[in-house]
Amino acid sequence: MIRVLDLAAFAEMATGLALVVLPSFVGQVLLGEALTGPAIPTARVAGIALIALGVACWRNSGLLGMLIYSAAVTLYLAYFGLTGSAGVFLWPAVAVHALLSVLLWRSRN
């Protein structure tokens, strides 16, 4: 039997995936207005967080959830910085998340 937590985890992962792939559409159907400008990368980071939260709950592993979040945000923010505009703290945020990803990876055993 599927636990309620599993059902909630899968729903959050699906919502997160939708935010990563189609953030403007999700904004339209949830909030009644399409997302534009800086709301797009913000929604994608929120989507990554929902995916990581879902994985953490589904697998009962906060460490795995944080590792997925930190690694995915590192990659996304670096991609965003290389292809779009970058604020003052973008690259420091990439560095911090990269360091956290390494530390989390090393502590998984």
Protein backbone atom coordinates (compact mmCIF):
# COMPACT_ATOMS: atom_id res chain seq x y z
CA MET A 1 0.00 0.00 0.00
CA ILE A 2 1.29 3.45 -0.90
CA ARG A 3 2.00 5.61 2.12
CA VAL A 4 0.59 9.11 2.20
CA LEU A 5 4.16 10.43 2.44
CA ASP A 6 5.07 8.62 -0.79
CA LEU A 7 2.05 10.12 -2.54
CA ALA A 8 2.94 13.60 -1.31
CA ALA A 9 6.60 13.09 -2.32
CA PHE A 10 5.65 12.11 -5.87
CA ALA A 11 3.24 15.06 -6.14
CA GLU A 12 5.99 17.47 -5.05
CA MET A 13 8.48 15.92 -7.46
CA ALA A 14 5.98 16.28 -10.31
CA THR A 15 5.31 19.91 -9.40
CA GLY A 16 9.05 20.56 -9.15
CA LEU A 17 9.68 19.00 -12.55
CA ALA A 18 6.92 21.16 -14.04
CA LEU A 19 8.49 24.27 -12.50
CA VAL A 20 11.90 23.38 -13.92
CA VAL A 21 10.60 22.59 -17.43
CA LEU A 22 7.65 24.99 -17.80
CA PRO A 23 7.88 27.69 -15.11
CA SER A 24 5.79 30.26 -16.95
CA PHE A 25 2.96 27.78 -17.60
CA VAL A 26 2.94 26.66 -13.95
CA GLY A 27 2.73 30.30 -12.90
CA GLN A 28 -0.19 30.79 -15.27
CA VAL A 29 -2.21 27.81 -14.02
CA LEU A 30 -1.39 28.28 -10.32
CA LEU A 31 -1.30 32.06 -9.98
CA GLY A 32 -3.30 33.22 -12.98
CA GLU A 33 -0.36 35.02 -14.56
CA ALA A 34 2.62 33.80 -16.55
CA LEU A 35 6.01 34.16 -14.92
CA THR A 36 8.51 36.44 -16.64
CA GLY A 37 11.93 37.96 -16.04
CA PRO A 38 13.71 37.02 -12.83
CA ALA A 39 10.71 34.94 -11.73
CA ILE A 40 11.74 32.24 -14.24
CA PRO A 41 15.11 31.29 -12.67
CA THR A 42 13.60 31.72 -9.19
CA ALA A 43 10.81 29.29 -10.08
CA ARG A 44 13.34 26.82 -11.49
CA VAL A 45 15.36 26.89 -8.26
CA ALA A 46 12.11 26.36 -6.34
CA GLY A 47 11.36 23.43 -8.67
CA ILE A 48 14.76 21.91 -7.94
CA ALA A 49 14.03 22.29 -4.23
CA LEU A 50 10.67 20.53 -4.59
CA ILE A 51 12.28 17.65 -6.47
CA ALA A 52 14.94 17.30 -3.76
CA LEU A 53 12.30 17.49 -1.02
CA GLY A 54 10.29 14.77 -2.74
CA VAL A 55 13.32 12.52 -3.09
CA ALA A 56 14.29 13.11 0.55
CA CYS A 57 10.81 12.16 1.77
CA TRP A 58 10.41 9.23 -0.60
CA ARG A 59 13.82 7.75 0.20
CA ASN A 60 13.74 8.82 3.87
CA SER A 61 17.13 10.48 3.41
CA GLY A 62 17.66 14.14 4.15
CA LEU A 63 21.29 13.76 3.10
CA LEU A 64 20.29 12.53 -0.36
CA GLY A 65 17.76 15.34 -0.72
CA MET A 66 20.31 18.00 0.22
CA LEU A 67 22.92 16.48 -2.08
CA ILE A 68 20.50 16.48 -5.02
CA TYR A 69 19.42 20.05 -4.27
CA SER A 70 22.91 21.45 -3.82
CA ALA A 71 24.39 19.70 -6.87
CA ALA A 72 21.46 20.60 -9.13
CA VAL A 73 21.44 24.24 -7.99
CA THR A 74 25.20 24.43 -8.53
CA LEU A 75 24.77 23.27 -12.12
CA TYR A 76 21.73 25.43 -12.83
CA LEU A 77 23.19 28.63 -11.37
CA ALA A 78 26.48 28.09 -13.21
CA TYR A 79 24.57 27.52 -16.46
CA PHE A 80 22.47 30.61 -15.78
CA GLY A 81 25.58 32.69 -15.07
CA LEU A 82 27.25 31.57 -18.28
CA THR A 83 24.20 32.16 -20.49
CA GLY A 84 22.35 35.02 -18.81
CA SER A 85 22.94 37.97 -16.60
CA ALA A 86 24.58 37.52 -13.22
CA GLY A 87 24.05 39.39 -9.97
CA VAL A 88 26.83 40.18 -7.52
CA PHE A 89 26.27 37.03 -5.44
CA LEU A 90 25.63 34.53 -8.24
CA TRP A 91 29.17 33.16 -8.49
CA PRO A 92 29.72 33.06 -4.73
CA ALA A 93 26.44 31.11 -4.49
CA VAL A 94 27.71 28.69 -7.15
CA ALA A 95 30.94 28.23 -5.18
CA VAL A 96 29.14 27.67 -1.88
CA HIS A 97 26.77 25.11 -3.41
CA ALA A 98 29.65 23.36 -5.15
CA LEU A 99 31.52 23.12 -1.84
CA LEU A 100 28.40 21.88 -0.04
CA SER A 101 27.87 19.29 -2.77
CA VAL A 102 31.40 17.95 -2.31
CA LEU A 103 31.04 17.87 1.48
CA LEU A 104 27.65 16.15 1.28
CA TRP A 105 28.99 13.62 -1.23
CA ARG A 106 31.92 12.82 1.03
CA SER A 107 29.70 12.42 4.11
CA ARG A 108 27.26 9.98 2.50
CA ASN A 109 29.07 6.91 3.84
